[in-house]
Amino acid sequence: MRPFTAIGFLAATGLAAAMPSSHQTRSIGDVLPGLKRDASGAGFTHIGSDNVVRTFDKDFNVVDFAQLDDRAPSGAEWPRSPSAAVLDEAKQARARSAAQVSKARSRSPLEGRQTQSCVSEFCPDDSYCKGLWIYGYNCTSCMIVSNNIGNCQQF
């Protein structure tokens, strides 16, 4: 009886995977280039647990946003204004990022310039990433995913 149960389960999961989702999704790479950013450079990009990409200024005001899917919670101000929980995620992630980059690191501006990748660098805000040009990077912004540390990006 167990082999038939396992086969039935595999067939059901395969069928579910083959069925198209009713939710429309957009990739992060599609939405990031079009988002407005904090002109001061002190802002950052956050991808929240609500599947919304938001750019914040240094005071955690939303500069711009883009939904990654069409699943929307109720609320007239959503998705521009994040819920208290998502805002707390952004604040905690930014604090972790700031703590990470405050750790001492030795590096030379001439060291390994040909193999630099923006995403290998942690960041607290956009200006930090832009400042990495002296080390041979071409980073433009800082992206923080909920419950993670920020990484520089090029877009």
N, C-alpha and C. Protein backbone atom coordinates (compact mmCIF):
# COMPACT_ATOMS: atom_id res chain seq x y z
N MET A 1 0.82 -1.21 0.00
CA MET A 1 0.00 0.00 0.00
C MET A 1 0.86 1.27 0.00
N ARG A 2 1.99 1.23 0.67
CA ARG A 2 2.85 2.41 0.73
C ARG A 2 3.41 2.81 -0.63
N PRO A 3 3.83 1.87 -1.50
CA PRO A 3 4.33 2.31 -2.81
C PRO A 3 3.27 3.08 -3.59
N PHE A 4 2.00 2.66 -3.49
CA PHE A 4 0.94 3.36 -4.22
C PHE A 4 0.71 4.75 -3.64
N THR A 5 0.84 4.89 -2.33
CA THR A 5 0.69 6.20 -1.71
C THR A 5 1.79 7.14 -2.19
N ALA A 6 3.02 6.62 -2.23
CA ALA A 6 4.14 7.45 -2.69
C ALA A 6 3.98 7.84 -4.15
N ILE A 7 3.53 6.91 -4.99
CA ILE A 7 3.32 7.20 -6.41
C ILE A 7 2.21 8.22 -6.58
N GLY A 8 1.14 8.08 -5.80
CA GLY A 8 0.03 9.04 -5.86
C GLY A 8 0.48 10.43 -5.44
N PHE A 9 1.30 10.49 -4.40
CA PHE A 9 1.81 11.78 -3.93
C PHE A 9 2.69 12.43 -4.99
N LEU A 10 3.59 11.64 -5.58
CA LEU A 10 4.47 12.18 -6.62
C LEU A 10 3.68 12.66 -7.83
N ALA A 11 2.68 11.91 -8.19
CA ALA A 11 1.84 12.30 -9.33
C ALA A 11 1.10 13.60 -9.01
N ALA A 12 0.59 13.71 -7.80
CA ALA A 12 -0.16 14.91 -7.41
C ALA A 12 0.76 16.14 -7.37
N THR A 13 1.96 15.98 -6.82
CA THR A 13 2.87 17.12 -6.76
C THR A 13 3.37 17.49 -8.15
N GLY A 14 3.59 16.52 -8.99
CA GLY A 14 4.01 16.81 -10.36
C GLY A 14 2.92 17.53 -11.12
N LEU A 15 1.68 17.14 -10.91
CA LEU A 15 0.55 17.78 -11.54
C LEU A 15 0.41 19.21 -11.05
N ALA A 16 0.59 19.40 -9.73
CA ALA A 16 0.48 20.75 -9.18
C ALA A 16 1.58 21.65 -9.72
N ALA A 17 2.78 21.11 -9.89
CA ALA A 17 3.89 21.91 -10.41
C ALA A 17 3.66 22.27 -11.87
N ALA A 18 2.98 21.41 -12.61
CA ALA A 18 2.75 21.66 -14.02
C ALA A 18 1.63 22.66 -14.25
N MET A 19 0.74 22.83 -13.27
CA MET A 19 -0.38 23.75 -13.42
C MET A 19 0.12 25.17 -13.24
N PRO A 20 -0.28 26.09 -14.09
CA PRO A 20 0.18 27.47 -13.96
C PRO A 20 -0.41 28.13 -12.72
N SER A 21 0.36 29.02 -12.13
CA SER A 21 -0.10 29.76 -10.96
C SER A 21 -1.06 30.84 -11.40
N SER A 22 -2.03 31.15 -10.56
CA SER A 22 -2.97 32.21 -10.88
C SER A 22 -2.41 33.57 -10.51
N HIS A 23 -1.27 33.61 -9.85
CA HIS A 23 -0.66 34.86 -9.44
C HIS A 23 0.33 35.35 -10.49
N GLN A 24 0.26 36.63 -10.79
CA GLN A 24 1.21 37.25 -11.71
C GLN A 24 2.45 37.65 -10.92
N THR A 25 3.62 37.34 -11.44
CA THR A 25 4.86 37.69 -10.75
C THR A 25 5.78 38.47 -11.68
N ARG A 26 6.63 39.30 -11.07
CA ARG A 26 7.64 40.05 -11.81
C ARG A 26 8.99 39.77 -11.14
N SER A 27 10.04 39.76 -11.92
CA SER A 27 11.35 39.51 -11.35
C SER A 27 11.91 40.79 -10.75
N ILE A 28 12.78 40.61 -9.79
CA ILE A 28 13.42 41.74 -9.14
C ILE A 28 14.23 42.53 -10.16
N GLY A 29 14.90 41.81 -11.06
CA GLY A 29 15.69 42.47 -12.09
C GLY A 29 14.87 43.35 -13.01
N ASP A 30 13.59 43.03 -13.17
CA ASP A 30 12.72 43.84 -14.02
C ASP A 30 12.31 45.14 -13.34
N VAL A 31 12.11 45.11 -12.03
CA VAL A 31 11.58 46.28 -11.34
C VAL A 31 12.65 47.22 -10.78
N LEU A 32 13.82 46.69 -10.42
CA LEU A 32 14.84 47.53 -9.77
C LEU A 32 15.30 48.73 -10.60
N PRO A 33 15.60 48.57 -11.87
CA PRO A 33 16.11 49.73 -12.63
C PRO A 33 15.13 50.90 -12.69
N GLY A 34 13.85 50.64 -12.59
CA GLY A 34 12.86 51.70 -12.71
C GLY A 34 12.48 52.37 -11.40
N LEU A 35 13.00 51.90 -10.29
CA LEU A 35 12.62 52.48 -9.00
C LEU A 35 13.39 53.77 -8.73
N LYS A 36 12.67 54.77 -8.21
CA LYS A 36 13.33 56.00 -7.78
C LYS A 36 14.09 55.71 -6.50
N ARG A 37 15.20 56.44 -6.32
CA ARG A 37 16.07 56.24 -5.16
C ARG A 37 16.21 57.54 -4.39
N ASP A 38 16.66 57.42 -3.16
CA ASP A 38 16.96 58.58 -2.34
C ASP A 38 18.13 59.33 -2.98
N ALA A 39 17.91 60.57 -3.35
CA ALA A 39 18.94 61.35 -4.05
C ALA A 39 20.18 61.61 -3.20
N SER A 40 20.03 61.57 -1.87
CA SER A 40 21.18 61.83 -1.00
C SER A 40 22.16 60.67 -0.97
N GLY A 41 21.73 59.49 -1.40
CA GLY A 41 22.59 58.31 -1.36
C GLY A 41 22.53 57.57 -0.04
N ALA A 42 21.80 58.11 0.93
CA ALA A 42 21.71 57.48 2.25
C ALA A 42 20.59 56.45 2.32
N GLY A 43 19.88 56.24 1.22
CA GLY A 43 18.78 55.28 1.20
C GLY A 43 19.25 53.89 0.82
N PHE A 44 18.29 52.98 0.74
CA PHE A 44 18.58 51.59 0.38
C PHE A 44 17.33 50.96 -0.19
N THR A 45 17.49 49.79 -0.79
CA THR A 45 16.38 49.02 -1.34
C THR A 45 16.12 47.84 -0.43
N HIS A 46 14.84 47.56 -0.15
CA HIS A 46 14.47 46.45 0.72
C HIS A 46 13.41 45.60 0.04
N ILE A 47 13.61 44.29 0.08
CA ILE A 47 12.60 43.36 -0.41
C ILE A 47 11.96 42.74 0.82
N GLY A 48 10.72 43.08 1.06
CA GLY A 48 10.02 42.66 2.27
C GLY A 48 9.37 41.30 2.15
N SER A 49 8.97 40.79 3.29
CA SER A 49 8.29 39.49 3.32
C SER A 49 6.91 39.57 2.67
N ASP A 50 6.45 40.78 2.37
CA ASP A 50 5.18 40.96 1.68
C ASP A 50 5.35 40.98 0.16
N ASN A 51 6.55 40.62 -0.32
CA ASN A 51 6.87 40.56 -1.76
C ASN A 51 6.76 41.91 -2.45
N VAL A 52 7.14 42.95 -1.74
CA VAL A 52 7.19 44.29 -2.31
C VAL A 52 8.62 44.80 -2.18
N VAL A 53 9.14 45.34 -3.29
CA VAL A 53 10.45 45.98 -3.28
C VAL A 53 10.20 47.45 -3.02
N ARG A 54 10.85 47.97 -1.98
CA ARG A 54 10.69 49.39 -1.64
C ARG A 54 12.06 50.04 -1.56
N THR A 55 12.15 51.27 -2.03
CA THR A 55 13.35 52.06 -1.79
C THR A 55 13.01 53.02 -0.65
N PHE A 56 13.90 53.08 0.32
CA PHE A 56 13.72 53.93 1.49
C PHE A 56 14.77 55.03 1.50
N ASP A 57 14.43 56.14 2.16
CA ASP A 57 15.46 57.13 2.45
C ASP A 57 16.05 56.81 3.82
N LYS A 58 16.97 57.62 4.30
CA LYS A 58 17.66 57.33 5.56
C LYS A 58 16.72 57.32 6.77
N ASP A 59 15.57 57.97 6.66
CA ASP A 59 14.61 58.02 7.76
C ASP A 59 13.50 56.98 7.63
N PHE A 60 13.68 56.02 6.73
CA PHE A 60 12.74 54.93 6.48
C PHE A 60 11.42 55.40 5.87
N ASN A 61 11.46 56.51 5.15
CA ASN A 61 10.30 56.92 4.35
C ASN A 61 10.41 56.22 3.01
N VAL A 62 9.29 55.75 2.49
CA VAL A 62 9.28 55.06 1.20
C VAL A 62 9.45 56.07 0.08
N VAL A 63 10.46 55.87 -0.76
CA VAL A 63 10.70 56.72 -1.91
C VAL A 63 9.91 56.18 -3.11
N ASP A 64 9.98 54.86 -3.32
CA ASP A 64 9.28 54.21 -4.43
C ASP A 64 9.07 52.75 -4.07
N PHE A 65 8.23 52.08 -4.83
CA PHE A 65 7.94 50.67 -4.55
C PHE A 65 7.48 49.95 -5.80
N ALA A 66 7.55 48.63 -5.76
CA ALA A 66 7.02 47.79 -6.84
C ALA A 66 6.62 46.45 -6.26
N GLN A 67 5.43 46.02 -6.59
CA GLN A 67 4.96 44.70 -6.16
C GLN A 67 5.60 43.64 -7.03
N LEU A 68 6.00 42.52 -6.41
CA LEU A 68 6.55 41.42 -7.18
C LEU A 68 5.48 40.42 -7.59
N ASP A 69 4.33 40.48 -6.95
CA ASP A 69 3.21 39.62 -7.34
C ASP A 69 1.91 40.34 -7.05
N ASP A 70 0.79 39.73 -7.44
CA ASP A 70 -0.50 40.40 -7.30
C ASP A 70 -1.25 40.02 -6.03
N ARG A 71 -0.59 39.32 -5.13
CA ARG A 71 -1.23 38.99 -3.85
C ARG A 71 -1.11 40.21 -2.95
N ALA A 72 -2.20 40.84 -2.66
CA ALA A 72 -2.15 42.07 -1.89
C ALA A 72 -2.96 41.97 -0.61
N PRO A 73 -2.37 42.35 0.51
CA PRO A 73 -3.16 42.40 1.73
C PRO A 73 -4.12 43.58 1.67
N SER A 74 -5.07 43.63 2.58
CA SER A 74 -6.02 44.73 2.58
C SER A 74 -5.35 45.98 3.13
N GLY A 75 -5.85 47.12 2.75
CA GLY A 75 -5.33 48.39 3.23
C GLY A 75 -5.17 49.37 2.09
N ALA A 76 -5.68 50.57 2.29
CA ALA A 76 -5.67 51.57 1.22
C ALA A 76 -4.26 52.05 0.90
N GLU A 77 -3.37 52.10 1.89
CA GLU A 77 -2.02 52.61 1.68
C GLU A 77 -1.03 51.54 1.23
N TRP A 78 -1.39 50.27 1.31
CA TRP A 78 -0.47 49.21 0.89
C TRP A 78 -0.45 49.21 -0.62
N PRO A 79 0.62 49.01 -1.30
CA PRO A 79 1.93 48.60 -0.83
C PRO A 79 2.90 49.74 -0.55
N ARG A 80 2.51 51.00 -0.82
CA ARG A 80 3.45 52.09 -0.57
C ARG A 80 3.90 52.10 0.88
N SER A 81 2.97 52.06 1.80
CA SER A 81 3.31 52.07 3.22
C SER A 81 3.39 50.64 3.73
N PRO A 82 4.56 50.22 4.16
CA PRO A 82 4.69 48.85 4.66
C PRO A 82 3.99 48.69 6.01
N SER A 83 3.61 47.46 6.30
CA SER A 83 3.04 47.18 7.61
C SER A 83 4.12 47.41 8.67
N ALA A 84 3.70 47.48 9.92
CA ALA A 84 4.66 47.68 11.01
C ALA A 84 5.68 46.55 11.04
N ALA A 85 5.24 45.33 10.75
CA ALA A 85 6.15 44.18 10.77
C ALA A 85 7.18 44.28 9.66
N VAL A 86 6.78 44.68 8.46
CA VAL A 86 7.73 44.80 7.34
C VAL A 86 8.68 45.97 7.58
N LEU A 87 8.18 47.06 8.13
CA LEU A 87 9.05 48.19 8.46
C LEU A 87 10.08 47.78 9.51
N ASP A 88 9.65 46.99 10.48
CA ASP A 88 10.58 46.49 11.49
C ASP A 88 11.63 45.57 10.85
N GLU A 89 11.22 44.74 9.88
CA GLU A 89 12.17 43.89 9.14
C GLU A 89 13.25 44.76 8.50
N ALA A 90 12.81 45.84 7.84
CA ALA A 90 13.75 46.73 7.15
C ALA A 90 14.72 47.38 8.13
N LYS A 91 14.20 47.82 9.27
CA LYS A 91 15.06 48.46 10.27
C LYS A 91 16.07 47.48 10.84
N GLN A 92 15.63 46.27 11.14
CA GLN A 92 16.55 45.26 11.68
C GLN A 92 17.60 44.87 10.65
N ALA A 93 17.18 44.70 9.40
CA ALA A 93 18.12 44.32 8.35
C ALA A 93 19.15 45.43 8.11
N ARG A 94 18.71 46.68 8.16
CA ARG A 94 19.63 47.80 7.98
C ARG A 94 20.62 47.85 9.14
N ALA A 95 20.16 47.60 10.36
CA ALA A 95 21.05 47.59 11.53
C ALA A 95 22.08 46.46 11.41
N ARG A 96 21.65 45.27 10.96
CA ARG A 96 22.59 44.16 10.77
C ARG A 96 23.63 44.51 9.71
N SER A 97 23.18 45.17 8.65
CA SER A 97 24.09 45.56 7.57
C SER A 97 25.11 46.57 8.06
N ALA A 98 24.65 47.55 8.83
CA ALA A 98 25.57 48.56 9.36
C ALA A 98 26.59 47.92 10.29
N ALA A 99 26.14 46.98 11.11
CA ALA A 99 27.07 46.28 12.01
C ALA A 99 28.09 45.46 11.22
N GLN A 100 27.66 44.85 10.14
CA GLN A 100 28.55 44.01 9.33
C GLN A 100 29.64 44.85 8.67
N VAL A 101 29.28 45.99 8.11
CA VAL A 101 30.28 46.79 7.40
C VAL A 101 31.18 47.56 8.36
N SER A 102 30.79 47.66 9.62
CA SER A 102 31.64 48.36 10.59
C SER A 102 32.81 47.48 11.06
N LYS A 103 32.77 46.19 10.74
CA LYS A 103 33.88 45.29 11.09
C LYS A 103 35.10 45.63 10.23
N ALA A 104 36.23 45.63 10.86
CA ALA A 104 37.46 46.00 10.15
C ALA A 104 37.78 45.00 9.04
N ARG A 105 38.16 45.53 7.88
CA ARG A 105 38.59 44.73 6.73
C ARG A 105 39.77 45.41 6.11
N SER A 106 40.76 44.63 5.77
CA SER A 106 41.90 45.24 5.07
C SER A 106 41.75 44.95 3.58
N ARG A 107 41.97 45.97 2.80
CA ARG A 107 41.95 45.80 1.35
C ARG A 107 42.72 46.92 0.70
N SER A 108 43.21 46.63 -0.45
CA SER A 108 44.00 47.60 -1.20
C SER A 108 43.19 47.99 -2.44
N PRO A 109 43.24 49.26 -2.83
CA PRO A 109 42.53 49.68 -4.04
C PRO A 109 42.99 48.96 -5.29
N LEU A 110 44.21 48.43 -5.28
CA LEU A 110 44.74 47.77 -6.47
C LEU A 110 44.59 46.25 -6.43
N GLU A 111 44.13 45.73 -5.33
CA GLU A 111 44.07 44.28 -5.13
C GLU A 111 42.88 43.66 -5.86
N GLY A 112 43.15 42.79 -6.81
CA GLY A 112 42.11 41.99 -7.48
C GLY A 112 41.06 42.78 -8.23
N ARG A 113 41.41 43.88 -8.85
CA ARG A 113 40.42 44.74 -9.51
C ARG A 113 39.64 44.03 -10.61
N GLN A 114 40.19 43.02 -11.22
CA GLN A 114 39.51 42.36 -12.33
C GLN A 114 38.45 41.36 -11.88
N THR A 115 38.45 40.96 -10.64
CA THR A 115 37.53 39.91 -10.19
C THR A 115 36.49 40.42 -9.21
N GLN A 116 36.26 41.72 -9.14
CA GLN A 116 35.34 42.28 -8.16
C GLN A 116 33.88 42.08 -8.60
N SER A 117 33.06 41.75 -7.64
CA SER A 117 31.63 41.60 -7.86
C SER A 117 30.89 42.39 -6.80
N CYS A 118 29.96 43.22 -7.21
CA CYS A 118 29.22 44.04 -6.25
C CYS A 118 28.56 43.21 -5.16
N VAL A 119 27.93 42.11 -5.53
CA VAL A 119 27.17 41.34 -4.54
C VAL A 119 28.06 40.68 -3.50
N SER A 120 29.36 40.72 -3.67
CA SER A 120 30.24 40.16 -2.65
C SER A 120 30.48 41.16 -1.53
N GLU A 121 29.96 42.36 -1.67
CA GLU A 121 30.16 43.42 -0.69
C GLU A 121 28.89 43.70 0.11
N PHE A 122 29.01 43.73 1.44
CA PHE A 122 27.89 44.09 2.31
C PHE A 122 27.73 45.60 2.31
N CYS A 123 26.52 46.07 2.63
CA CYS A 123 26.28 47.51 2.62
C CYS A 123 25.14 47.92 3.54
N PRO A 124 25.19 49.16 4.05
CA PRO A 124 24.08 49.71 4.80
C PRO A 124 23.23 50.68 3.97
N ASP A 125 23.82 51.25 2.90
CA ASP A 125 23.08 52.21 2.08
C ASP A 125 23.74 52.37 0.71
N ASP A 126 23.07 53.11 -0.17
CA ASP A 126 23.53 53.28 -1.55
C ASP A 126 24.89 53.97 -1.63
N SER A 127 25.11 54.98 -0.79
CA SER A 127 26.37 55.73 -0.89
C SER A 127 27.57 54.86 -0.55
N TYR A 128 27.39 53.90 0.33
CA TYR A 128 28.48 52.98 0.65
C TYR A 128 28.88 52.20 -0.61
N CYS A 129 27.88 51.70 -1.33
CA CYS A 129 28.16 50.92 -2.55
C CYS A 129 28.82 51.78 -3.62
N LYS A 130 28.31 52.99 -3.81
CA LYS A 130 28.90 53.87 -4.82
C LYS A 130 30.35 54.21 -4.47
N GLY A 131 30.66 54.28 -3.18
CA GLY A 131 32.01 54.60 -2.75
C GLY A 131 33.02 53.50 -3.00
N LEU A 132 32.55 52.32 -3.36
CA LEU A 132 33.46 51.20 -3.62
C LEU A 132 34.18 51.32 -4.97
N TRP A 133 33.88 52.38 -5.72
CA TRP A 133 34.54 52.56 -7.02
C TRP A 133 36.06 52.61 -6.86
N ILE A 134 36.52 53.10 -5.73
CA ILE A 134 37.97 53.19 -5.50
C ILE A 134 38.63 51.81 -5.48
N TYR A 135 37.85 50.79 -5.21
CA TYR A 135 38.37 49.41 -5.19
C TYR A 135 38.08 48.67 -6.49
N GLY A 136 37.58 49.39 -7.49
CA GLY A 136 37.35 48.78 -8.79
C GLY A 136 35.94 48.27 -9.00
N TYR A 137 35.02 48.56 -8.09
CA TYR A 137 33.64 48.12 -8.24
C TYR A 137 32.85 49.15 -9.02
N ASN A 138 31.76 48.71 -9.61
CA ASN A 138 30.85 49.60 -10.30
C ASN A 138 29.45 49.40 -9.72
N CYS A 139 29.34 49.56 -8.42
CA CYS A 139 28.08 49.32 -7.71
C CYS A 139 27.26 50.61 -7.67
N THR A 140 25.94 50.47 -7.72
CA THR A 140 25.08 51.64 -7.74
C THR A 140 24.13 51.73 -6.55
N SER A 141 23.82 50.61 -5.91
CA SER A 141 22.84 50.67 -4.83
C SER A 141 23.00 49.50 -3.87
N CYS A 142 22.35 49.65 -2.73
CA CYS A 142 22.36 48.62 -1.68
C CYS A 142 20.98 47.98 -1.62
N MET A 143 20.94 46.66 -1.72
CA MET A 143 19.67 45.94 -1.65
C MET A 143 19.70 45.02 -0.43
N ILE A 144 18.66 45.13 0.39
CA ILE A 144 18.54 44.32 1.59
C ILE A 144 17.29 43.47 1.47
N VAL A 145 17.44 42.18 1.61
CA VAL A 145 16.30 41.26 1.61
C VAL A 145 15.97 40.98 3.07
N SER A 146 14.68 40.93 3.40
CA SER A 146 14.27 40.72 4.78
C SER A 146 15.07 39.62 5.45
N ASN A 147 15.44 39.88 6.69
CA ASN A 147 16.18 38.95 7.54
C ASN A 147 17.57 38.61 7.00
N ASN A 148 18.14 39.48 6.21
CA ASN A 148 19.48 39.29 5.69
C ASN A 148 20.30 40.55 5.85
N ILE A 149 21.51 40.52 5.33
CA ILE A 149 22.41 41.67 5.34
C ILE A 149 22.41 42.24 3.93
N GLY A 150 22.51 43.56 3.81
CA GLY A 150 22.51 44.22 2.51
C GLY A 150 23.71 43.84 1.67
N ASN A 151 23.48 43.78 0.36
CA ASN A 151 24.55 43.53 -0.61
C ASN A 151 24.47 44.61 -1.67
N CYS A 152 25.65 45.07 -2.11
CA CYS A 152 25.70 46.05 -3.19
C CYS A 152 25.24 45.40 -4.48
N GLN A 153 24.66 46.22 -5.34
CA GLN A 153 24.14 45.76 -6.62
C GLN A 153 24.55 46.74 -7.71
N GLN A 154 24.51 46.28 -8.93
CA GLN A 154 24.77 47.13 -10.08
C GLN A 154 23.55 47.06 -10.99
N PHE A 155 22.77 48.11 -11.03
CA PHE A 155 21.61 48.20 -11.94
C PHE A 155 21.24 49.64 -12.19
